[in-house]
Amino acid sequence: MLRGGVIVLVALFSVLFLKRTLYSHHYLGMFLVITGVTMVGLSAILDSSNENESGSQILGVILIASSLVLQAGLFVSEEIIFKHRHFEPMECVGGEGVFYII
């Protein structure tokens, strides 16, 4: 469920790097996503039965949040590249596969 937070980060990176404008319905959607992601993250942390499990859950939430930042950066960087170059569909799929393997 926490992976849904990539929506918010992609929107923020689009504003910062692609100079896009967001409208009120975009902000409403981001607010709803932030609310849901926060509730899921807190429930995972607060529902732990012992202290050892709580520490690993906090670490898990931190790792997922850092992966969201990297994935959002990948989405925005792909859009920047695709603005300037034309790629064939199979070339895109192959390039993305090689990137993920690396």
C-alpha atoms as a PDB file:
ATOM      1  CA  MET A   1       0.000   0.000   0.000  1.00  0.00           C
ATOM      2  CA  LEU A   2       2.829   2.408   0.726  1.00  0.00           C
ATOM      3  CA  ARG A   3       3.964   2.138  -2.894  1.00  0.00           C
ATOM      4  CA  GLY A   4       0.980   4.321  -3.820  1.00  0.00           C
ATOM      5  CA  GLY A   5       2.981   7.270  -2.538  1.00  0.00           C
ATOM      6  CA  VAL A   6       4.873   7.348  -5.829  1.00  0.00           C
ATOM      7  CA  ILE A   7       1.915   9.323  -7.226  1.00  0.00           C
ATOM      8  CA  VAL A   8       2.662  12.237  -4.916  1.00  0.00           C
ATOM      9  CA  LEU A   9       6.389  12.203  -5.585  1.00  0.00           C
ATOM     10  CA  VAL A  10       5.971  12.060  -9.359  1.00  0.00           C
ATOM     11  CA  ALA A  11       3.590  15.029  -9.176  1.00  0.00           C
ATOM     12  CA  LEU A  12       6.053  17.012  -7.066  1.00  0.00           C
ATOM     13  CA  PHE A  13       9.000  16.129  -9.305  1.00  0.00           C
ATOM     14  CA  SER A  14       6.934  17.072 -12.373  1.00  0.00           C
ATOM     15  CA  VAL A  15       6.363  20.515 -10.910  1.00  0.00           C
ATOM     16  CA  LEU A  16      10.021  20.929  -9.950  1.00  0.00           C
ATOM     17  CA  PHE A  17      11.765  19.514 -13.004  1.00  0.00           C
ATOM     18  CA  LEU A  18       9.217  19.620 -15.834  1.00  0.00           C
ATOM     19  CA  LYS A  19       7.672  22.970 -14.802  1.00  0.00           C
ATOM     20  CA  ARG A  20       4.131  21.583 -14.917  1.00  0.00           C
ATOM     21  CA  THR A  21       1.197  23.250 -13.202  1.00  0.00           C
ATOM     22  CA  LEU A  22      -1.124  21.282 -10.958  1.00  0.00           C
ATOM     23  CA  TYR A  23      -4.802  22.065 -10.562  1.00  0.00           C
ATOM     24  CA  SER A  24      -7.063  21.772  -7.538  1.00  0.00           C
ATOM     25  CA  HIS A  25      -8.205  18.244  -8.396  1.00  0.00           C
ATOM     26  CA  HIS A  26      -4.559  17.151  -8.535  1.00  0.00           C
ATOM     27  CA  TYR A  27      -3.954  18.540  -5.054  1.00  0.00           C
ATOM     28  CA  LEU A  28      -7.131  16.871  -3.767  1.00  0.00           C
ATOM     29  CA  GLY A  29      -5.963  13.537  -5.173  1.00  0.00           C
ATOM     30  CA  MET A  30      -2.522  13.954  -3.632  1.00  0.00           C
ATOM     31  CA  PHE A  31      -4.090  14.818  -0.281  1.00  0.00           C
ATOM     32  CA  LEU A  32      -6.172  11.637  -0.378  1.00  0.00           C
ATOM     33  CA  VAL A  33      -3.142   9.536  -1.318  1.00  0.00           C
ATOM     34  CA  ILE A  34      -1.044  11.100   1.457  1.00  0.00           C
ATOM     35  CA  THR A  35      -3.817  10.444   3.963  1.00  0.00           C
ATOM     36  CA  GLY A  36      -4.115   6.792   2.925  1.00  0.00           C
ATOM     37  CA  VAL A  37      -0.373   6.166   2.821  1.00  0.00           C
ATOM     38  CA  THR A  38       0.078   7.779   6.230  1.00  0.00           C
ATOM     39  CA  MET A  39      -2.674   5.655   7.741  1.00  0.00           C
ATOM     40  CA  VAL A  40      -1.181   2.451   6.317  1.00  0.00           C
ATOM     41  CA  GLY A  41       2.346   3.350   7.442  1.00  0.00           C
ATOM     42  CA  LEU A  42       1.246   4.251  10.944  1.00  0.00           C
ATOM     43  CA  SER A  43      -0.892   1.134  11.279  1.00  0.00           C
ATOM     44  CA  ALA A  44       2.110  -1.029  10.440  1.00  0.00           C
ATOM     45  CA  ILE A  45       4.203   0.705  13.083  1.00  0.00           C
ATOM     46  CA  LEU A  46       1.559   0.996  15.826  1.00  0.00           C
ATOM     47  CA  ASP A  47       0.189  -2.538  15.404  1.00  0.00           C
ATOM     48  CA  SER A  48       3.467  -4.271  16.237  1.00  0.00           C
ATOM     49  CA  SER A  49       3.293  -6.689  19.150  1.00  0.00           C
ATOM     50  CA  ASN A  50       6.905  -6.500  20.372  1.00  0.00           C
ATOM     51  CA  GLU A  51       9.795  -4.056  20.234  1.00  0.00           C
ATOM     52  CA  ASN A  52      11.984  -6.074  17.835  1.00  0.00           C
ATOM     53  CA  GLU A  53       9.216  -6.257  15.284  1.00  0.00           C
ATOM     54  CA  SER A  54       8.536  -2.524  15.570  1.00  0.00           C
ATOM     55  CA  GLY A  55      12.123  -1.647  14.692  1.00  0.00           C
ATOM     56  CA  SER A  56      12.109  -3.801  11.596  1.00  0.00           C
ATOM     57  CA  GLN A  57       8.782  -2.343  10.491  1.00  0.00           C
ATOM     58  CA  ILE A  58      10.122   1.196  10.824  1.00  0.00           C
ATOM     59  CA  LEU A  59      13.149   0.166   8.773  1.00  0.00           C
ATOM     60  CA  GLY A  60      10.807  -1.344   6.170  1.00  0.00           C
ATOM     61  CA  VAL A  61       8.804   1.881   5.912  1.00  0.00           C
ATOM     62  CA  ILE A  62      12.028   3.894   5.512  1.00  0.00           C
ATOM     63  CA  LEU A  63      13.296   1.559   2.773  1.00  0.00           C
ATOM     64  CA  ILE A  64       9.981   1.720   0.915  1.00  0.00           C
ATOM     65  CA  ALA A  65       9.964   5.531   1.142  1.00  0.00           C
ATOM     66  CA  SER A  66      13.493   5.714  -0.270  1.00  0.00           C
ATOM     67  CA  SER A  67      12.532   3.383  -3.120  1.00  0.00           C
ATOM     68  CA  LEU A  68       9.585   5.662  -3.915  1.00  0.00           C
ATOM     69  CA  VAL A  69      11.940   8.619  -4.350  1.00  0.00           C
ATOM     70  CA  LEU A  70      14.138   6.623  -6.726  1.00  0.00           C
ATOM     71  CA  GLN A  71      11.169   5.322  -8.721  1.00  0.00           C
ATOM     72  CA  ALA A  72       9.639   8.799  -9.041  1.00  0.00           C
ATOM     73  CA  GLY A  73      13.003  10.114 -10.223  1.00  0.00           C
ATOM     74  CA  LEU A  74      13.103   7.359 -12.829  1.00  0.00           C
ATOM     75  CA  PHE A  75       9.621   8.220 -14.132  1.00  0.00           C
ATOM     76  CA  VAL A  76      10.406  11.920 -14.455  1.00  0.00           C
ATOM     77  CA  SER A  77      13.820  11.324 -16.017  1.00  0.00           C
ATOM     78  CA  GLU A  78      12.226   8.998 -18.592  1.00  0.00           C
ATOM     79  CA  GLU A  79       9.746  11.706 -19.482  1.00  0.00           C
ATOM     80  CA  ILE A  80      12.546  14.244 -19.900  1.00  0.00           C
ATOM     81  CA  ILE A  81      14.397  11.845 -22.213  1.00  0.00           C
ATOM     82  CA  PHE A  82      11.257  11.034 -24.235  1.00  0.00           C
ATOM     83  CA  LYS A  83      10.572  14.731 -24.816  1.00  0.00           C
ATOM     84  CA  HIS A  84      13.817  15.114 -26.736  1.00  0.00           C
ATOM     85  CA  ARG A  85      14.124  11.777 -28.550  1.00  0.00           C
ATOM     86  CA  HIS A  86      11.844   9.393 -30.377  1.00  0.00           C
ATOM     87  CA  PHE A  87      12.165   5.715 -29.461  1.00  0.00           C
ATOM     88  CA  GLU A  88      10.481   2.671 -30.911  1.00  0.00           C
ATOM     89  CA  PRO A  89       8.283   0.800 -28.384  1.00  0.00           C
ATOM     90  CA  MET A  90      10.482  -2.330 -28.291  1.00  0.00           C
ATOM     91  CA  GLU A  91      13.562  -0.162 -27.857  1.00  0.00           C
ATOM     92  CA  CYS A  92      11.943   1.420 -24.776  1.00  0.00           C
ATOM     93  CA  VAL A  93      11.017  -1.931 -23.258  1.00  0.00           C
ATOM     94  CA  GLY A  94      14.490  -3.340 -23.887  1.00  0.00           C
ATOM     95  CA  GLY A  95      16.215  -0.258 -22.505  1.00  0.00           C
ATOM     96  CA  GLU A  96      14.080  -0.274 -19.389  1.00  0.00           C
ATOM     97  CA  GLY A  97      14.792  -3.974 -18.882  1.00  0.00           C
ATOM     98  CA  VAL A  98      18.541  -3.416 -19.133  1.00  0.00           C
ATOM     99  CA  PHE A  99      18.294  -0.439 -16.747  1.00  0.00           C
ATOM    100  CA  TYR A 100      16.451  -2.517 -14.133  1.00  0.00           C
ATOM    101  CA  ILE A 101      18.912  -5.392 -14.455  1.00  0.00           C
ATOM    102  CA  ILE A 102      21.808  -2.998 -13.819  1.00  0.00           C
END
